[in-house]
PDB file of N, CA and C in Angstrom:
ATOM      1  N   MET A   1      34.606-132.559 -47.480  1.00  0.00           N
ATOM      2  CA  MET A   1      33.572-132.554 -46.796  1.00  0.00           C
ATOM      3  C   MET A   1      33.056-131.206 -47.522  1.00  0.00           C
ATOM      4  N   PRO A   2      31.098-132.012 -48.156  1.00  0.00           N
ATOM      5  CA  PRO A   2      31.079-130.696 -48.296  1.00  0.00           C
ATOM      6  C   PRO A   2      30.645-129.392 -47.447  1.00  0.00           C
ATOM      7  N   GLN A   3      30.418-128.130 -48.800  1.00  0.00           N
ATOM      8  CA  GLN A   3      30.988-127.123 -48.871  1.00  0.00           C
ATOM      9  C   GLN A   3      29.051-126.735 -48.398  1.00  0.00           C
ATOM     10  N   ILE A   4      28.691-127.231 -49.884  1.00  0.00           N
ATOM     11  CA  ILE A   4      27.427-126.406 -49.629  1.00  0.00           C
ATOM     12  C   ILE A   4      25.544-127.265 -49.503  1.00  0.00           C
ATOM     13  N   LYS A   5      25.023-126.847 -49.103  1.00  0.00           N
ATOM     14  CA  LYS A   5      24.047-127.036 -48.210  1.00  0.00           C
ATOM     15  C   LYS A   5      22.952-128.433 -48.850  1.00  0.00           C
ATOM     16  N   SER A   6      23.470-128.626 -49.764  1.00  0.00           N
ATOM     17  CA  SER A   6      22.896-129.774 -50.187  1.00  0.00           C
ATOM     18  C   SER A   6      23.496-131.112 -50.822  1.00  0.00           C
ATOM     19  N   ALA A   7      24.624-130.592 -51.290  1.00  0.00           N
ATOM     20  CA  ALA A   7      25.719-131.415 -50.400  1.00  0.00           C
ATOM     21  C   ALA A   7      26.323-131.835 -49.164  1.00  0.00           C
ATOM     22  N   LYS A   8      25.800-131.494 -47.590  1.00  0.00           N
ATOM     23  CA  LYS A   8      25.419-132.248 -47.377  1.00  0.00           C
ATOM     24  C   LYS A   8      24.463-133.013 -46.887  1.00  0.00           C
ATOM     25  N   LYS A   9      23.565-132.850 -47.298  1.00  0.00           N
ATOM     26  CA  LYS A   9      22.153-133.490 -47.138  1.00  0.00           C
ATOM     27  C   LYS A   9      22.229-134.840 -48.063  1.00  0.00           C
ATOM     28  N   ARG A  10      22.984-134.640 -49.327  1.00  0.00           N
ATOM     29  CA  ARG A  10      23.254-135.596 -49.995  1.00  0.00           C
ATOM     30  C   ARG A  10      23.804-136.751 -49.374  1.00  0.00           C
ATOM     31  N   VAL A  11      24.971-136.630 -48.592  1.00  0.00           N
ATOM     32  CA  VAL A  11      26.007-136.989 -47.829  1.00  0.00           C
ATOM     33  C   VAL A  11      25.010-138.207 -46.602  1.00  0.00           C
ATOM     34  N   LEU A  12      23.994-137.015 -45.698  1.00  0.00           N
ATOM     35  CA  LEU A  12      23.354-138.141 -44.968  1.00  0.00           C
ATOM     36  C   LEU A  12      22.897-139.010 -46.168  1.00  0.00           C
ATOM     37  N   VAL A  13      21.909-139.108 -46.533  1.00  0.00           N
ATOM     38  CA  VAL A  13      21.241-139.759 -47.663  1.00  0.00           C
ATOM     39  C   VAL A  13      21.698-140.994 -47.412  1.00  0.00           C
ATOM     40  N   THR A  14      22.560-140.804 -48.044  1.00  0.00           N
ATOM     41  CA  THR A  14      23.468-141.887 -49.562  1.00  0.00           C
ATOM     42  C   THR A  14      24.030-142.892 -47.901  1.00  0.00           C
ATOM     43  N   GLU A  15      24.294-142.244 -47.013  1.00  0.00           N
ATOM     44  CA  GLU A  15      24.364-143.370 -45.931  1.00  0.00           C
ATOM     45  C   GLU A  15      23.553-144.318 -45.178  1.00  0.00           C
ATOM     46  N   ARG A  16      22.504-143.058 -45.158  1.00  0.00           N
ATOM     47  CA  ARG A  16      21.381-143.804 -44.820  1.00  0.00           C
ATOM     48  C   ARG A  16      20.815-145.300 -45.670  1.00  0.00           C
ATOM     49  N   ASN A  17      20.819-144.743 -47.007  1.00  0.00           N
ATOM     50  CA  ASN A  17      21.129-145.705 -48.066  1.00  0.00           C
ATOM     51  C   ASN A  17      21.816-146.302 -48.159  1.00  0.00           C
ATOM     52  N   ARG A  18      23.085-146.537 -47.536  1.00  0.00           N
ATOM     53  CA  ARG A  18      23.971-147.308 -47.933  1.00  0.00           C
ATOM     54  C   ARG A  18      24.231-148.618 -46.257  1.00  0.00           C
ATOM     55  N   GLN A  19      23.788-147.963 -45.200  1.00  0.00           N
ATOM     56  CA  GLN A  19      23.166-148.497 -44.445  1.00  0.00           C
ATOM     57  C   GLN A  19      21.829-149.545 -44.114  1.00  0.00           C
ATOM     58  N   ARG A  20      21.616-148.760 -44.874  1.00  0.00           N
ATOM     59  CA  ARG A  20      19.916-149.818 -45.131  1.00  0.00           C
ATOM     60  C   ARG A  20      20.363-151.043 -46.016  1.00  0.00           C
ATOM     61  N   ASN A  21      20.458-150.091 -47.192  1.00  0.00           N
ATOM     62  CA  ASN A  21      21.371-151.707 -48.021  1.00  0.00           C
ATOM     63  C   ASN A  21      22.353-152.866 -47.480  1.00  0.00           C
ATOM     64  N   MET A  22      22.885-152.384 -46.295  1.00  0.00           N
ATOM     65  CA  MET A  22      23.919-153.248 -46.203  1.00  0.00           C
ATOM     66  C   MET A  22      23.197-154.399 -45.221  1.00  0.00           C
ATOM     67  N   ALA A  23      22.488-153.957 -44.551  1.00  0.00           N
ATOM     68  CA  ALA A  23      21.674-154.632 -44.048  1.00  0.00           C
ATOM     69  C   ALA A  23      20.381-155.514 -44.832  1.00  0.00           C
ATOM     70  N   TYR A  24      19.984-155.038 -45.888  1.00  0.00           N
ATOM     71  CA  TYR A  24      19.285-155.648 -46.581  1.00  0.00           C
ATOM     72  C   TYR A  24      19.838-157.421 -47.371  1.00  0.00           C
ATOM     73  N   LYS A  25      20.781-156.500 -47.598  1.00  0.00           N
ATOM     74  CA  LYS A  25      22.252-157.576 -48.531  1.00  0.00           C
ATOM     75  C   LYS A  25      21.693-158.963 -47.496  1.00  0.00           C
ATOM     76  N   SER A  26      22.781-158.578 -45.879  1.00  0.00           N
ATOM     77  CA  SER A  26      23.383-159.497 -44.946  1.00  0.00           C
ATOM     78  C   SER A  26      22.021-160.273 -44.345  1.00  0.00           C
ATOM     79  N   ALA A  27      20.739-159.342 -44.321  1.00  0.00           N
ATOM     80  CA  ALA A  27      19.765-160.966 -44.481  1.00  0.00           C
ATOM     81  C   ALA A  27      19.180-161.336 -45.561  1.00  0.00           C
ATOM     82  N   VAL A  28      19.491-161.106 -46.833  1.00  0.00           N
ATOM     83  CA  VAL A  28      19.548-161.583 -47.562  1.00  0.00           C
ATOM     84  C   VAL A  28      20.720-163.287 -47.875  1.00  0.00           C
ATOM     85  N   ARG A  29      22.287-162.289 -48.027  1.00  0.00           N
ATOM     86  CA  ARG A  29      22.798-164.095 -47.556  1.00  0.00           C
ATOM     87  C   ARG A  29      22.565-164.246 -46.031  1.00  0.00           C
ATOM     88  N   THR A  30      21.977-164.305 -45.261  1.00  0.00           N
ATOM     89  CA  THR A  30      22.015-164.535 -43.236  1.00  0.00           C
ATOM     90  C   THR A  30      20.771-166.082 -43.746  1.00  0.00           C
ATOM     91  N   ALA A  31      19.874-165.596 -44.794  1.00  0.00           N
ATOM     92  CA  ALA A  31      18.739-166.393 -45.792  1.00  0.00           C
ATOM     93  C   ALA A  31      19.427-167.993 -46.245  1.00  0.00           C
ATOM     94  N   VAL A  32      20.910-167.501 -47.681  1.00  0.00           N
ATOM     95  CA  VAL A  32      20.426-167.679 -47.730  1.00  0.00           C
ATOM     96  C   VAL A  32      21.283-168.948 -47.394  1.00  0.00           C
ATOM     97  N   LYS A  33      21.951-168.635 -47.099  1.00  0.00           N
ATOM     98  CA  LYS A  33      23.287-169.892 -45.753  1.00  0.00           C
ATOM     99  C   LYS A  33      22.154-170.671 -44.379  1.00  0.00           C
ATOM    100  N   ASN A  34      21.232-169.818 -44.167  1.00  0.00           N
ATOM    101  CA  ASN A  34      20.049-171.370 -43.107  1.00  0.00           C
ATOM    102  C   ASN A  34      19.604-171.786 -44.192  1.00  0.00           C
ATOM    103  N   VAL A  35      18.635-171.548 -45.281  1.00  0.00           N
ATOM    104  CA  VAL A  35      18.606-172.880 -46.770  1.00  0.00           C
ATOM    105  C   VAL A  35      19.760-173.666 -46.620  1.00  0.00           C
ATOM    106  N   LEU A  36      20.798-173.060 -47.289  1.00  0.00           N
ATOM    107  CA  LEU A  36      21.599-173.494 -47.032  1.00  0.00           C
ATOM    108  C   LEU A  36      22.371-175.595 -46.458  1.00  0.00           C
ATOM    109  N   ALA A  37      22.218-174.059 -45.387  1.00  0.00           N
ATOM    110  CA  ALA A  37      23.099-175.443 -43.998  1.00  0.00           C
ATOM    111  C   ALA A  37      21.696-176.012 -43.733  1.00  0.00           C
ATOM    112  N   ALA A  38      20.416-176.192 -44.440  1.00  0.00           N
ATOM    113  CA  ALA A  38      19.205-176.931 -43.837  1.00  0.00           C
ATOM    114  C   ALA A  38      19.340-178.137 -44.297  1.00  0.00           C
ATOM    115  N   ILE A  39      20.106-177.684 -46.235  1.00  0.00           N
ATOM    116  CA  ILE A  39      19.967-179.229 -46.934  1.00  0.00           C
ATOM    117  C   ILE A  39      20.869-179.802 -46.091  1.00  0.00           C
ATOM    118  N   SER A  40      22.248-179.223 -46.275  1.00  0.00           N
ATOM    119  CA  SER A  40      23.577-179.924 -45.050  1.00  0.00           C
ATOM    120  C   SER A  40      22.919-180.982 -44.250  1.00  0.00           C
ATOM    121  N   ASP A  41      21.725-180.643 -43.001  1.00  0.00           N
ATOM    122  CA  ASP A  41      22.273-181.193 -42.151  1.00  0.00           C
ATOM    123  C   ASP A  41      20.796-181.919 -43.078  1.00  0.00           C
ATOM    124  N   GLU A  42      20.266-182.080 -43.449  1.00  0.00           N
ATOM    125  CA  GLU A  42      19.509-182.895 -43.632  1.00  0.00           C
ATOM    126  C   GLU A  42      18.532-183.160 -43.202  1.00  0.00           C
ATOM    127  N   GLN A  43      17.653-181.521 -42.826  1.00  0.00           N
ATOM    128  CA  GLN A  43      16.831-181.360 -42.558  1.00  0.00           C
ATOM    129  C   GLN A  43      15.508-182.477 -43.000  1.00  0.00           C
ATOM    130  N   GLU A  44      14.067-181.827 -42.102  1.00  0.00           N
ATOM    131  CA  GLU A  44      13.158-182.769 -43.541  1.00  0.00           C
ATOM    132  C   GLU A  44      12.258-181.345 -43.771  1.00  0.00           C
ATOM    133  N   PRO A  45      11.432-182.337 -45.416  1.00  0.00           N
ATOM    134  CA  PRO A  45      11.027-181.156 -46.775  1.00  0.00           C
ATOM    135  C   PRO A  45      10.750-180.089 -46.488  1.00  0.00           C
ATOM    136  N   THR A  46       9.584-179.902 -44.478  1.00  0.00           N
ATOM    137  CA  THR A  46       8.585-178.611 -44.888  1.00  0.00           C
ATOM    138  C   THR A  46       9.116-177.697 -43.752  1.00  0.00           C
ATOM    139  N   ALA A  47      10.689-178.072 -42.921  1.00  0.00           N
ATOM    140  CA  ALA A  47      11.700-176.857 -42.455  1.00  0.00           C
ATOM    141  C   ALA A  47      12.201-176.331 -44.220  1.00  0.00           C
ATOM    142  N   VAL A  48      12.872-176.420 -44.873  1.00  0.00           N
ATOM    143  CA  VAL A  48      13.250-176.649 -45.778  1.00  0.00           C
ATOM    144  C   VAL A  48      12.814-175.449 -46.678  1.00  0.00           C
ATOM    145  N   SER A  49      11.525-176.013 -47.443  1.00  0.00           N
ATOM    146  CA  SER A  49      10.538-175.327 -48.256  1.00  0.00           C
ATOM    147  C   SER A  49      10.155-174.035 -46.842  1.00  0.00           C
ATOM    148  N   GLU A  50       9.363-174.031 -45.516  1.00  0.00           N
ATOM    149  CA  GLU A  50       9.543-173.134 -45.465  1.00  0.00           C
ATOM    150  C   GLU A  50      11.071-171.800 -45.544  1.00  0.00           C
ATOM    151  N   LEU A  51      11.770-172.444 -45.301  1.00  0.00           N
ATOM    152  CA  LEU A  51      13.266-171.308 -45.673  1.00  0.00           C
ATOM    153  C   LEU A  51      13.274-170.666 -47.269  1.00  0.00           C
ATOM    154  N   LEU A  52      13.411-171.628 -47.736  1.00  0.00           N
ATOM    155  CA  LEU A  52      13.105-171.522 -48.653  1.00  0.00           C
ATOM    156  C   LEU A  52      12.160-170.465 -49.233  1.00  0.00           C
ATOM    157  N   LYS A  53      11.411-170.411 -49.438  1.00  0.00           N
ATOM    158  CA  LYS A  53       9.901-169.386 -49.108  1.00  0.00           C
ATOM    159  C   LYS A  53      10.316-167.880 -48.517  1.00  0.00           C
ATOM    160  N   THR A  54      11.104-168.152 -47.025  1.00  0.00           N
ATOM    161  CA  THR A  54      11.931-166.931 -46.893  1.00  0.00           C
ATOM    162  C   THR A  54      13.005-166.770 -47.705  1.00  0.00           C
ATOM    163  N   ALA A  55      13.447-167.066 -48.134  1.00  0.00           N
ATOM    164  CA  ALA A  55      14.212-166.018 -48.799  1.00  0.00           C
ATOM    165  C   ALA A  55      14.059-166.108 -50.266  1.00  0.00           C
ATOM    166  N   TYR A  56      13.055-166.896 -50.462  1.00  0.00           N
ATOM    167  CA  TYR A  56      12.889-166.303 -51.800  1.00  0.00           C
ATOM    168  C   TYR A  56      12.035-164.871 -51.126  1.00  0.00           C
ATOM    169  N   SER A  57      11.347-164.062 -50.364  1.00  0.00           N
ATOM    170  CA  SER A  57      11.104-163.398 -49.937  1.00  0.00           C
ATOM    171  C   SER A  57      11.929-162.382 -49.558  1.00  0.00           C
ATOM    172  N   LEU A  58      12.500-162.486 -48.560  1.00  0.00           N
ATOM    173  CA  LEU A  58      13.650-161.742 -48.786  1.00  0.00           C
ATOM    174  C   LEU A  58      14.370-161.358 -50.412  1.00  0.00           C
ATOM    175  N   ILE A  59      14.369-162.267 -51.316  1.00  0.00           N
ATOM    176  CA  ILE A  59      15.422-161.918 -52.540  1.00  0.00           C
ATOM    177  C   ILE A  59      14.321-161.055 -52.989  1.00  0.00           C
ATOM    178  N   ASP A  60      12.843-161.190 -53.124  1.00  0.00           N
ATOM    179  CA  ASP A  60      12.508-160.730 -54.700  1.00  0.00           C
ATOM    180  C   ASP A  60      11.657-159.081 -53.415  1.00  0.00           C
ATOM    181  N   ARG A  61      11.821-159.210 -51.932  1.00  0.00           N
ATOM    182  CA  ARG A  61      11.976-157.803 -51.941  1.00  0.00           C
ATOM    183  C   ARG A  61      13.084-156.248 -51.916  1.00  0.00           C
ATOM    184  N   SER A  62      13.657-157.304 -51.680  1.00  0.00           N
ATOM    185  CA  SER A  62      15.754-156.455 -52.664  1.00  0.00           C
ATOM    186  C   SER A  62      15.492-156.157 -53.366  1.00  0.00           C
ATOM    187  N   VAL A  63      15.174-157.133 -54.740  1.00  0.00           N
ATOM    188  CA  VAL A  63      15.040-157.037 -56.045  1.00  0.00           C
ATOM    189  C   VAL A  63      14.208-155.395 -55.995  1.00  0.00           C
ATOM    190  N   VAL A  64      13.115-155.751 -55.931  1.00  0.00           N
ATOM    191  CA  VAL A  64      11.964-154.453 -55.761  1.00  0.00           C
ATOM    192  C   VAL A  64      12.251-152.825 -55.723  1.00  0.00           C
ATOM    193  N   LYS A  65      13.232-153.028 -53.965  1.00  0.00           N
ATOM    194  CA  LYS A  65      13.093-152.077 -53.169  1.00  0.00           C
ATOM    195  C   LYS A  65      14.674-151.427 -54.426  1.00  0.00           C
ATOM    196  N   GLY A  66      15.559-151.437 -55.119  1.00  0.00           N
ATOM    197  CA  GLY A  66      16.510-151.745 -55.723  1.00  0.00           C
ATOM    198  C   GLY A  66      18.221-152.157 -55.209  1.00  0.00           C
ATOM    199  N   ILE A  67      18.230-153.228 -53.978  1.00  0.00           N
ATOM    200  CA  ILE A  67      19.428-152.974 -53.700  1.00  0.00           C
ATOM    201  C   ILE A  67      19.542-154.189 -54.227  1.00  0.00           C
ATOM    202  N   LEU A  68      19.213-155.052 -54.926  1.00  0.00           N
ATOM    203  CA  LEU A  68      19.796-156.335 -55.896  1.00  0.00           C
ATOM    204  C   LEU A  68      19.406-156.110 -57.184  1.00  0.00           C
ATOM    205  N   HIS A  69      19.803-156.047 -58.163  1.00  0.00           N
ATOM    206  CA  HIS A  69      19.908-156.296 -59.962  1.00  0.00           C
ATOM    207  C   HIS A  69      18.760-157.582 -60.121  1.00  0.00           C
ATOM    208  N   LYS A  70      18.138-157.800 -61.010  1.00  0.00           N
ATOM    209  CA  LYS A  70      16.661-158.398 -60.882  1.00  0.00           C
ATOM    210  C   LYS A  70      18.103-159.964 -61.095  1.00  0.00           C
ATOM    211  N   SER A  71      18.873-159.711 -62.492  1.00  0.00           N
ATOM    212  CA  SER A  71      19.629-161.112 -63.160  1.00  0.00           C
ATOM    213  C   SER A  71      20.634-161.645 -61.609  1.00  0.00           C
ATOM    214  N   THR A  72      20.715-160.631 -60.755  1.00  0.00           N
ATOM    215  CA  THR A  72      21.520-161.193 -59.459  1.00  0.00           C
ATOM    216  C   THR A  72      20.433-162.527 -58.613  1.00  0.00           C
ATOM    217  N   GLY A  73      18.831-161.266 -58.687  1.00  0.00           N
ATOM    218  CA  GLY A  73      17.830-161.894 -57.928  1.00  0.00           C
ATOM    219  C   GLY A  73      17.424-163.676 -57.901  1.00  0.00           C
ATOM    220  N   ALA A  74      17.110-163.390 -59.665  1.00  0.00           N
ATOM    221  CA  ALA A  74      17.075-164.419 -59.894  1.00  0.00           C
ATOM    222  C   ALA A  74      18.608-165.722 -60.252  1.00  0.00           C
ATOM    223  N   ARG A  75      19.339-165.282 -60.543  1.00  0.00           N
ATOM    224  CA  ARG A  75      20.319-166.165 -59.878  1.00  0.00           C
ATOM    225  C   ARG A  75      20.400-166.744 -58.311  1.00  0.00           C
ATOM    226  N   MET A  76      20.394-166.150 -57.442  1.00  0.00           N
ATOM    227  CA  MET A  76      20.116-167.426 -56.659  1.00  0.00           C
ATOM    228  C   MET A  76      19.375-167.406 -56.292  1.00  0.00           C
ATOM    229  N   LYS A  77      18.044-167.421 -56.839  1.00  0.00           N
ATOM    230  CA  LYS A  77      16.795-168.089 -56.342  1.00  0.00           C
ATOM    231  C   LYS A  77      16.783-168.871 -57.495  1.00  0.00           C
ATOM    232  N   SER A  78      17.429-169.488 -58.601  1.00  0.00           N
ATOM    233  CA  SER A  78      18.132-170.803 -59.320  1.00  0.00           C
ATOM    234  C   SER A  78      18.620-171.058 -58.845  1.00  0.00           C
ATOM    235  N   ARG A  79      19.265-170.758 -58.560  1.00  0.00           N
ATOM    236  CA  ARG A  79      20.606-172.025 -57.359  1.00  0.00           C
ATOM    237  C   ARG A  79      20.017-172.713 -55.938  1.00  0.00           C
ATOM    238  N   LEU A  80      19.441-171.361 -55.460  1.00  0.00           N
ATOM    239  CA  LEU A  80      18.566-172.241 -54.064  1.00  0.00           C
ATOM    240  C   LEU A  80      17.907-173.619 -54.657  1.00  0.00           C
ATOM    241  N   THR A  81      17.128-173.292 -55.125  1.00  0.00           N
ATOM    242  CA  THR A  81      16.758-173.875 -55.563  1.00  0.00           C
ATOM    243  C   THR A  81      16.835-175.695 -55.899  1.00  0.00           C
ATOM    244  N   LYS A  82      17.822-175.356 -57.305  1.00  0.00           N
ATOM    245  CA  LYS A  82      18.797-176.427 -57.933  1.00  0.00           C
ATOM    246  C   LYS A  82      18.992-177.000 -56.916  1.00  0.00           C
ATOM    247  N   ALA A  83      19.812-176.696 -55.753  1.00  0.00           N
ATOM    248  CA  ALA A  83      20.344-176.931 -54.762  1.00  0.00           C
ATOM    249  C   ALA A  83      19.336-178.005 -54.296  1.00  0.00           C
ATOM    250  N   VAL A  84      18.218-176.662 -53.141  1.00  0.00           N
ATOM    251  CA  VAL A  84      17.057-178.151 -53.217  1.00  0.00           C
ATOM    252  C   VAL A  84      16.731-179.134 -53.635  1.00  0.00           C
ATOM    253  N   ASN A  85      16.595-179.109 -55.048  1.00  0.00           N
ATOM    254  CA  ASN A  85      15.514-180.476 -55.286  1.00  0.00           C
ATOM    255  C   ASN A  85      16.518-181.094 -56.079  1.00  0.00           C
ATOM    256  N   LYS A  86      17.910-181.338 -56.098  1.00  0.00           N
ATOM    257  CA  LYS A  86      19.118-182.573 -56.143  1.00  0.00           C
ATOM    258  C   LYS A  86      18.708-182.761 -54.258  1.00  0.00           C
ATOM    259  N   VAL A  87      18.869-182.259 -53.698  1.00  0.00           N
ATOM    260  CA  VAL A  87      19.095-183.243 -51.783  1.00  0.00           C
ATOM    261  C   VAL A  87      16.715-183.751 -52.265  1.00  0.00           C
ATOM    262  N   GLU A  88      16.161-183.033 -53.074  1.00  0.00           N
ATOM    263  CA  GLU A  88      14.958-183.836 -52.729  1.00  0.00           C
ATOM    264  C   GLU A  88      14.784-185.363 -53.152  1.00  0.00           C
ATOM    265  N   ALA A  89      15.871-185.050 -54.934  1.00  0.00           N
ATOM    266  CA  ALA A  89      15.260-186.263 -55.667  1.00  0.00           C
ATOM    267  C   ALA A  89      16.604-187.199 -55.943  1.00  0.00           C
ATOM    268  N   ALA A  90      17.125-187.117 -54.731  1.00  0.00           N
ATOM    269  CA  ALA A  90      17.920-187.482 -53.631  1.00  0.00           C
ATOM    270  C   ALA A  90      17.989-188.568 -52.240  1.00  0.00           C
ATOM    271  N   ALA A  91      17.162-188.157 -52.094  1.00  0.00           N
ATOM    272  CA  ALA A  91      16.053-188.724 -50.413  1.00  0.00           C
ATOM    273  C   ALA A  91      15.081-189.526 -50.946  1.00  0.00           C
TER     274      ALA A  91
END
């Protein structure tokens, strides 16, 4: 445990940020999972596009906040788009 006051503050701030980052990452993973589940359940294209829009929003927001690297966000969005397009092309 730190002894210096500023180090004690940094421990508190770091923990707060870690909790917030984990919540954002969890929300992003859940949104991606929801899109993939909608694709596999063969839901309507409008429902899938709404879920995709939500996932895009969460991914972009987490990239802007520095929670995800921009390349990671781009890769996630690309993979989701490819999956959606593949299903739409087959339908």
